[in-house]
Amino acid sequence: MKTELIGKISPIKKISLLLFFISFCFCTVQAQIEIQSVNAIEGTGFKTCFIHEKSGNFPGSLSGVLRLVKNGSKDVLTYNFRNEESDLRLVYDENEIYDVSRKNYIFRRNDIKLRYTTYFWANCFEIILNGDTCFFDVIDGGCGFVIDGINWQYDTSDDRELLSLTFTKDVGLWQRGKRISSYVVKAGSKLLFNISRKKSRTW
């Protein structure tokens, strides 16, 4: 029965269906490219003193201010950090495809948790708030793009490294599987990670 129905479809309809399918695929890919071009820009690498470190836990602190707006709300949630405990955790990449390790700058507090990660020329910013994990991640197969709207600066001394992150644009964070942003990090937010260059003995 199915074979008979397929056989009754005229060649013109078959061509029309094929053209529709091709057009749909093209539009979907085009939309993804446009979204990526708005939210990500070509990466240029990260000039950190930990660039060749394969693993380890390096203690430090976090200072700064993070301003968030939840999707559908006009209220700005403000989180202040003043020399609060954080750390840099390096996770070794056994394959060393692009980089020797992922650099994870991690902060945890009762009301908010955040993680900033770099790998080769790509980065990721993630928060956990009210049980929701929201992120913007461009660490993918090519690892050649960074989040558009986050500027970084490294300052290194003999015993410490400072990583300053400045949000120059509003940056949307997504929950996995959702197409709209759950939270927006507002422009003007600034984070300063002050990391010791000496590994923690507990690692």
C-alpha atoms as a PDB file:
ATOM      1  CA  MET A   1       0.000   0.000   0.000  1.00  0.00           C
ATOM      2  CA  LYS A   2       2.770   2.423   0.931  1.00  0.00           C
ATOM      3  CA  THR A   3       4.639   1.567  -2.264  1.00  0.00           C
ATOM      4  CA  GLU A   4       1.533   2.305  -4.324  1.00  0.00           C
ATOM      5  CA  LEU A   5       1.057   5.713  -2.675  1.00  0.00           C
ATOM      6  CA  ILE A   6       4.675   6.679  -3.231  1.00  0.00           C
ATOM      7  CA  GLY A   7       4.396   5.600  -6.840  1.00  0.00           C
ATOM      8  CA  LYS A   8       1.395   7.913  -7.345  1.00  0.00           C
ATOM      9  CA  ILE A   9       3.336  11.055  -6.355  1.00  0.00           C
ATOM     10  CA  SER A  10       4.042  12.961  -9.519  1.00  0.00           C
ATOM     11  CA  PRO A  11       7.631  13.900 -10.466  1.00  0.00           C
ATOM     12  CA  ILE A  12       6.751  17.594 -10.070  1.00  0.00           C
ATOM     13  CA  LYS A  13       5.581  17.027  -6.487  1.00  0.00           C
ATOM     14  CA  LYS A  14       8.702  15.026  -5.738  1.00  0.00           C
ATOM     15  CA  ILE A  15      10.883  17.868  -7.021  1.00  0.00           C
ATOM     16  CA  SER A  16       8.836  20.398  -5.046  1.00  0.00           C
ATOM     17  CA  LEU A  17       9.231  18.369  -1.849  1.00  0.00           C
ATOM     18  CA  LEU A  18      12.965  18.016  -2.459  1.00  0.00           C
ATOM     19  CA  LEU A  19      13.356  21.769  -3.056  1.00  0.00           C
ATOM     20  CA  PHE A  20      11.357  22.502   0.106  1.00  0.00           C
ATOM     21  CA  PHE A  21      13.566  20.184   2.154  1.00  0.00           C
ATOM     22  CA  ILE A  22      16.771  21.749   0.752  1.00  0.00           C
ATOM     23  CA  SER A  23      15.429  25.246   1.389  1.00  0.00           C
ATOM     24  CA  PHE A  24      14.476  24.329   4.975  1.00  0.00           C
ATOM     25  CA  CYS A  25      17.950  22.897   5.688  1.00  0.00           C
ATOM     26  CA  PHE A  26      19.638  25.956   4.188  1.00  0.00           C
ATOM     27  CA  CYS A  27      17.549  28.374   6.246  1.00  0.00           C
ATOM     28  CA  THR A  28      18.254  26.418   9.452  1.00  0.00           C
ATOM     29  CA  VAL A  29      22.010  26.408   8.835  1.00  0.00           C
ATOM     30  CA  GLN A  30      21.929  30.088   7.840  1.00  0.00           C
ATOM     31  CA  ALA A  31      20.086  30.992  11.048  1.00  0.00           C
ATOM     32  CA  GLN A  32      22.670  29.116  13.133  1.00  0.00           C
ATOM     33  CA  ILE A  33      25.494  30.941  11.329  1.00  0.00           C
ATOM     34  CA  GLU A  34      23.829  34.311  11.930  1.00  0.00           C
ATOM     35  CA  ILE A  35      23.318  33.530  15.627  1.00  0.00           C
ATOM     36  CA  GLN A  36      26.968  32.503  15.958  1.00  0.00           C
ATOM     37  CA  SER A  37      28.191  35.632  14.169  1.00  0.00           C
ATOM     38  CA  VAL A  38      26.218  37.827  16.582  1.00  0.00           C
ATOM     39  CA  ASN A  39      27.246  36.009  19.764  1.00  0.00           C
ATOM     40  CA  ALA A  40      30.807  34.890  18.996  1.00  0.00           C
ATOM     41  CA  ILE A  41      33.871  36.355  17.324  1.00  0.00           C
ATOM     42  CA  GLU A  42      37.145  34.858  16.144  1.00  0.00           C
ATOM     43  CA  GLY A  43      39.459  34.035  19.048  1.00  0.00           C
ATOM     44  CA  THR A  44      43.054  35.188  19.456  1.00  0.00           C
ATOM     45  CA  GLY A  45      44.297  33.064  22.353  1.00  0.00           C
ATOM     46  CA  PHE A  46      44.832  33.697  26.052  1.00  0.00           C
ATOM     47  CA  LYS A  47      48.175  35.000  27.310  1.00  0.00           C
ATOM     48  CA  THR A  48      48.157  33.272  30.662  1.00  0.00           C
ATOM     49  CA  CYS A  49      51.221  32.082  32.531  1.00  0.00           C
ATOM     50  CA  PHE A  50      49.420  28.736  32.994  1.00  0.00           C
ATOM     51  CA  ILE A  51      49.304  28.070  29.256  1.00  0.00           C
ATOM     52  CA  HIS A  52      51.682  25.089  29.423  1.00  0.00           C
ATOM     53  CA  GLU A  53      50.445  23.700  32.757  1.00  0.00           C
ATOM     54  CA  LYS A  54      48.734  20.328  32.311  1.00  0.00           C
ATOM     55  CA  SER A  55      47.003  19.942  35.662  1.00  0.00           C
ATOM     56  CA  GLY A  56      46.774  21.334  39.158  1.00  0.00           C
ATOM     57  CA  ASN A  57      44.684  23.351  41.563  1.00  0.00           C
ATOM     58  CA  PHE A  58      45.783  26.949  42.168  1.00  0.00           C
ATOM     59  CA  PRO A  59      44.079  28.854  45.024  1.00  0.00           C
ATOM     60  CA  GLY A  60      42.961  32.441  44.640  1.00  0.00           C
ATOM     61  CA  SER A  61      40.211  34.974  45.200  1.00  0.00           C
ATOM     62  CA  LEU A  62      37.444  36.716  43.293  1.00  0.00           C
ATOM     63  CA  SER A  63      36.479  40.382  43.411  1.00  0.00           C
ATOM     64  CA  GLY A  64      34.079  42.425  41.332  1.00  0.00           C
ATOM     65  CA  VAL A  65      30.413  42.794  40.509  1.00  0.00           C
ATOM     66  CA  LEU A  66      28.072  40.680  38.383  1.00  0.00           C
ATOM     67  CA  ARG A  67      24.721  42.109  37.258  1.00  0.00           C
ATOM     68  CA  LEU A  68      22.092  39.725  35.914  1.00  0.00           C
ATOM     69  CA  VAL A  69      18.601  40.087  34.505  1.00  0.00           C
ATOM     70  CA  LYS A  70      16.318  37.056  34.379  1.00  0.00           C
ATOM     71  CA  ASN A  71      14.412  36.469  31.162  1.00  0.00           C
ATOM     72  CA  GLY A  72      11.072  38.269  31.274  1.00  0.00           C
ATOM     73  CA  SER A  73      12.066  40.522  34.192  1.00  0.00           C
ATOM     74  CA  LYS A  74      13.285  44.112  34.385  1.00  0.00           C
ATOM     75  CA  ASP A  75      14.835  43.688  37.833  1.00  0.00           C
ATOM     76  CA  VAL A  76      18.639  43.659  37.951  1.00  0.00           C
ATOM     77  CA  LEU A  77      20.191  41.112  40.319  1.00  0.00           C
ATOM     78  CA  THR A  78      23.519  42.397  41.628  1.00  0.00           C
ATOM     79  CA  TYR A  79      26.204  40.128  43.106  1.00  0.00           C
ATOM     80  CA  ASN A  80      29.252  41.698  44.739  1.00  0.00           C
ATOM     81  CA  PHE A  81      32.482  39.814  45.395  1.00  0.00           C
ATOM     82  CA  ARG A  82      35.253  41.049  47.677  1.00  0.00           C
ATOM     83  CA  ASN A  83      38.379  38.897  47.837  1.00  0.00           C
ATOM     84  CA  GLU A  84      36.248  35.779  48.196  1.00  0.00           C
ATOM     85  CA  GLU A  85      37.795  32.341  47.885  1.00  0.00           C
ATOM     86  CA  SER A  86      38.029  30.883  44.381  1.00  0.00           C
ATOM     87  CA  ASP A  87      40.475  28.738  42.472  1.00  0.00           C
ATOM     88  CA  LEU A  88      41.884  27.796  39.092  1.00  0.00           C
ATOM     89  CA  ARG A  89      41.554  24.110  38.244  1.00  0.00           C
ATOM     90  CA  LEU A  90      43.422  22.748  35.269  1.00  0.00           C
ATOM     91  CA  VAL A  91      41.976  19.614  33.665  1.00  0.00           C
ATOM     92  CA  TYR A  92      44.468  17.741  31.510  1.00  0.00           C
ATOM     93  CA  ASP A  93      43.489  16.982  27.916  1.00  0.00           C
ATOM     94  CA  GLU A  94      45.012  13.565  27.322  1.00  0.00           C
ATOM     95  CA  ASN A  95      44.702  13.957  23.559  1.00  0.00           C
ATOM     96  CA  GLU A  96      46.201  17.469  23.551  1.00  0.00           C
ATOM     97  CA  ILE A  97      44.297  18.224  20.354  1.00  0.00           C
ATOM     98  CA  TYR A  98      44.474  22.028  20.645  1.00  0.00           C
ATOM     99  CA  ASP A  99      45.624  22.639  24.209  1.00  0.00           C
ATOM    100  CA  VAL A 100      47.178  20.707  27.080  1.00  0.00           C
ATOM    101  CA  SER A 101      44.395  21.545  29.541  1.00  0.00           C
ATOM    102  CA  ARG A 102      41.159  23.341  30.231  1.00  0.00           C
ATOM    103  CA  LYS A 103      41.578  26.323  32.533  1.00  0.00           C
ATOM    104  CA  ASN A 104      38.572  26.465  34.888  1.00  0.00           C
ATOM    105  CA  TYR A 105      38.222  29.552  37.106  1.00  0.00           C
ATOM    106  CA  ILE A 106      35.709  28.471  39.732  1.00  0.00           C
ATOM    107  CA  PHE A 107      33.801  30.342  42.431  1.00  0.00           C
ATOM    108  CA  ARG A 108      31.171  28.923  44.806  1.00  0.00           C
ATOM    109  CA  ARG A 109      28.931  30.720  47.264  1.00  0.00           C
ATOM    110  CA  ASN A 110      25.565  29.806  48.763  1.00  0.00           C
ATOM    111  CA  ASP A 111      23.639  32.213  46.542  1.00  0.00           C
ATOM    112  CA  ILE A 112      25.582  31.811  43.288  1.00  0.00           C
ATOM    113  CA  LYS A 113      28.219  29.651  41.619  1.00  0.00           C
ATOM    114  CA  LEU A 114      30.158  30.560  38.516  1.00  0.00           C
ATOM    115  CA  ARG A 115      32.788  29.094  36.235  1.00  0.00           C
ATOM    116  CA  TYR A 116      34.850  30.697  33.493  1.00  0.00           C
ATOM    117  CA  THR A 117      36.736  28.292  31.224  1.00  0.00           C
ATOM    118  CA  THR A 118      39.282  28.724  28.452  1.00  0.00           C
ATOM    119  CA  TYR A 119      40.607  26.120  26.053  1.00  0.00           C
ATOM    120  CA  PHE A 120      42.885  27.034  23.147  1.00  0.00           C
ATOM    121  CA  TRP A 121      41.160  30.048  21.490  1.00  0.00           C
ATOM    122  CA  ALA A 122      37.672  29.440  22.906  1.00  0.00           C
ATOM    123  CA  ASN A 123      35.904  30.154  26.186  1.00  0.00           C
ATOM    124  CA  CYS A 124      32.796  29.442  28.255  1.00  0.00           C
ATOM    125  CA  PHE A 125      30.963  31.343  31.001  1.00  0.00           C
ATOM    126  CA  GLU A 126      28.558  29.512  33.304  1.00  0.00           C
ATOM    127  CA  ILE A 127      26.482  30.324  36.388  1.00  0.00           C
ATOM    128  CA  ILE A 128      24.381  28.194  38.707  1.00  0.00           C
ATOM    129  CA  LEU A 129      21.594  30.225  40.250  1.00  0.00           C
ATOM    130  CA  ASN A 130      18.472  29.038  42.061  1.00  0.00           C
ATOM    131  CA  GLY A 131      19.177  25.498  40.909  1.00  0.00           C
ATOM    132  CA  ASP A 132      19.417  26.501  37.233  1.00  0.00           C
ATOM    133  CA  THR A 133      22.636  26.030  35.257  1.00  0.00           C
ATOM    134  CA  CYS A 134      22.958  28.698  32.565  1.00  0.00           C
ATOM    135  CA  PHE A 135      25.899  29.121  30.236  1.00  0.00           C
ATOM    136  CA  PHE A 136      27.385  30.427  27.018  1.00  0.00           C
ATOM    137  CA  ASP A 137      29.873  27.938  25.595  1.00  0.00           C
ATOM    138  CA  VAL A 138      31.841  28.270  22.358  1.00  0.00           C
ATOM    139  CA  ILE A 139      34.337  25.509  23.186  1.00  0.00           C
ATOM    140  CA  ASP A 140      33.465  23.255  20.274  1.00  0.00           C
ATOM    141  CA  GLY A 141      35.123  21.149  17.579  1.00  0.00           C
ATOM    142  CA  GLY A 142      37.164  24.006  16.155  1.00  0.00           C
ATOM    143  CA  CYS A 143      37.813  25.988  19.386  1.00  0.00           C
ATOM    144  CA  GLY A 144      38.408  29.107  17.321  1.00  0.00           C
ATOM    145  CA  PHE A 145      35.712  31.452  18.654  1.00  0.00           C
ATOM    146  CA  VAL A 146      35.255  33.445  21.857  1.00  0.00           C
ATOM    147  CA  ILE A 147      32.168  34.982  23.438  1.00  0.00           C
ATOM    148  CA  ASP A 148      31.482  38.387  21.942  1.00  0.00           C
ATOM    149  CA  GLY A 149      31.084  40.840  24.806  1.00  0.00           C
ATOM    150  CA  ILE A 150      33.725  39.573  27.256  1.00  0.00           C
ATOM    151  CA  ASN A 151      37.107  41.297  27.280  1.00  0.00           C
ATOM    152  CA  TRP A 152      39.980  39.798  29.251  1.00  0.00           C
ATOM    153  CA  GLN A 153      43.355  40.947  30.511  1.00  0.00           C
ATOM    154  CA  TYR A 154      46.143  38.983  32.209  1.00  0.00           C
ATOM    155  CA  ASP A 155      48.665  40.617  34.563  1.00  0.00           C
ATOM    156  CA  THR A 156      51.424  38.399  35.926  1.00  0.00           C
ATOM    157  CA  SER A 157      53.928  38.776  38.755  1.00  0.00           C
ATOM    158  CA  ASP A 158      56.436  36.300  40.200  1.00  0.00           C
ATOM    159  CA  ASP A 159      53.889  34.682  42.507  1.00  0.00           C
ATOM    160  CA  ARG A 160      50.431  35.620  41.163  1.00  0.00           C
ATOM    161  CA  GLU A 161      48.361  36.142  38.064  1.00  0.00           C
ATOM    162  CA  LEU A 162      45.382  38.462  37.755  1.00  0.00           C
ATOM    163  CA  LEU A 163      42.658  37.712  35.219  1.00  0.00           C
ATOM    164  CA  SER A 164      40.284  40.606  34.655  1.00  0.00           C
ATOM    165  CA  LEU A 165      37.007  39.956  32.811  1.00  0.00           C
ATOM    166  CA  THR A 166      34.921  42.901  31.624  1.00  0.00           C
ATOM    167  CA  PHE A 167      31.504  42.518  30.019  1.00  0.00           C
ATOM    168  CA  THR A 168      31.372  45.168  27.300  1.00  0.00           C
ATOM    169  CA  LYS A 169      27.967  44.018  26.005  1.00  0.00           C
ATOM    170  CA  ASP A 170      24.947  42.215  27.380  1.00  0.00           C
ATOM    171  CA  VAL A 171      25.664  38.476  27.175  1.00  0.00           C
ATOM    172  CA  GLY A 172      22.790  35.985  27.160  1.00  0.00           C
ATOM    173  CA  LEU A 173      23.143  32.700  29.042  1.00  0.00           C
ATOM    174  CA  TRP A 174      21.146  29.644  28.040  1.00  0.00           C
ATOM    175  CA  GLN A 175      19.839  26.567  29.770  1.00  0.00           C
ATOM    176  CA  ARG A 176      20.588  23.372  27.873  1.00  0.00           C
ATOM    177  CA  GLY A 177      17.924  22.594  25.302  1.00  0.00           C
ATOM    178  CA  LYS A 178      16.311  26.047  25.396  1.00  0.00           C
ATOM    179  CA  ARG A 179      16.431  28.574  22.539  1.00  0.00           C
ATOM    180  CA  ILE A 180      15.913  31.720  24.606  1.00  0.00           C
ATOM    181  CA  SER A 181      18.305  33.106  27.173  1.00  0.00           C
ATOM    182  CA  SER A 182      17.501  32.394  30.808  1.00  0.00           C
ATOM    183  CA  TYR A 183      19.679  35.177  32.197  1.00  0.00           C
ATOM    184  CA  VAL A 184      21.523  38.115  30.690  1.00  0.00           C
ATOM    185  CA  VAL A 185      24.824  39.324  32.121  1.00  0.00           C
ATOM    186  CA  LYS A 186      24.620  43.083  31.890  1.00  0.00           C
ATOM    187  CA  ALA A 187      27.316  45.210  30.290  1.00  0.00           C
ATOM    188  CA  GLY A 188      29.567  46.781  32.907  1.00  0.00           C
ATOM    189  CA  SER A 189      29.887  43.618  35.000  1.00  0.00           C
ATOM    190  CA  LYS A 190      33.498  43.001  36.027  1.00  0.00           C
ATOM    191  CA  LEU A 191      35.257  40.035  37.607  1.00  0.00           C
ATOM    192  CA  LEU A 192      38.833  39.852  38.855  1.00  0.00           C
ATOM    193  CA  PHE A 193      40.422  36.480  39.603  1.00  0.00           C
ATOM    194  CA  ASN A 194      43.593  36.764  41.712  1.00  0.00           C
ATOM    195  CA  ILE A 195      45.328  33.390  41.366  1.00  0.00           C
ATOM    196  CA  SER A 196      48.442  32.064  43.105  1.00  0.00           C
ATOM    197  CA  ARG A 197      51.036  30.526  40.803  1.00  0.00           C
ATOM    198  CA  LYS A 198      51.797  27.924  43.477  1.00  0.00           C
ATOM    199  CA  LYS A 199      49.796  24.692  43.310  1.00  0.00           C
ATOM    200  CA  SER A 200      47.633  23.697  46.253  1.00  0.00           C
ATOM    201  CA  ARG A 201      49.057  20.758  48.208  1.00  0.00           C
ATOM    202  CA  THR A 202      45.617  19.121  48.283  1.00  0.00           C
ATOM    203  CA  TRP A 203      45.589  18.582  44.522  1.00  0.00           C
END
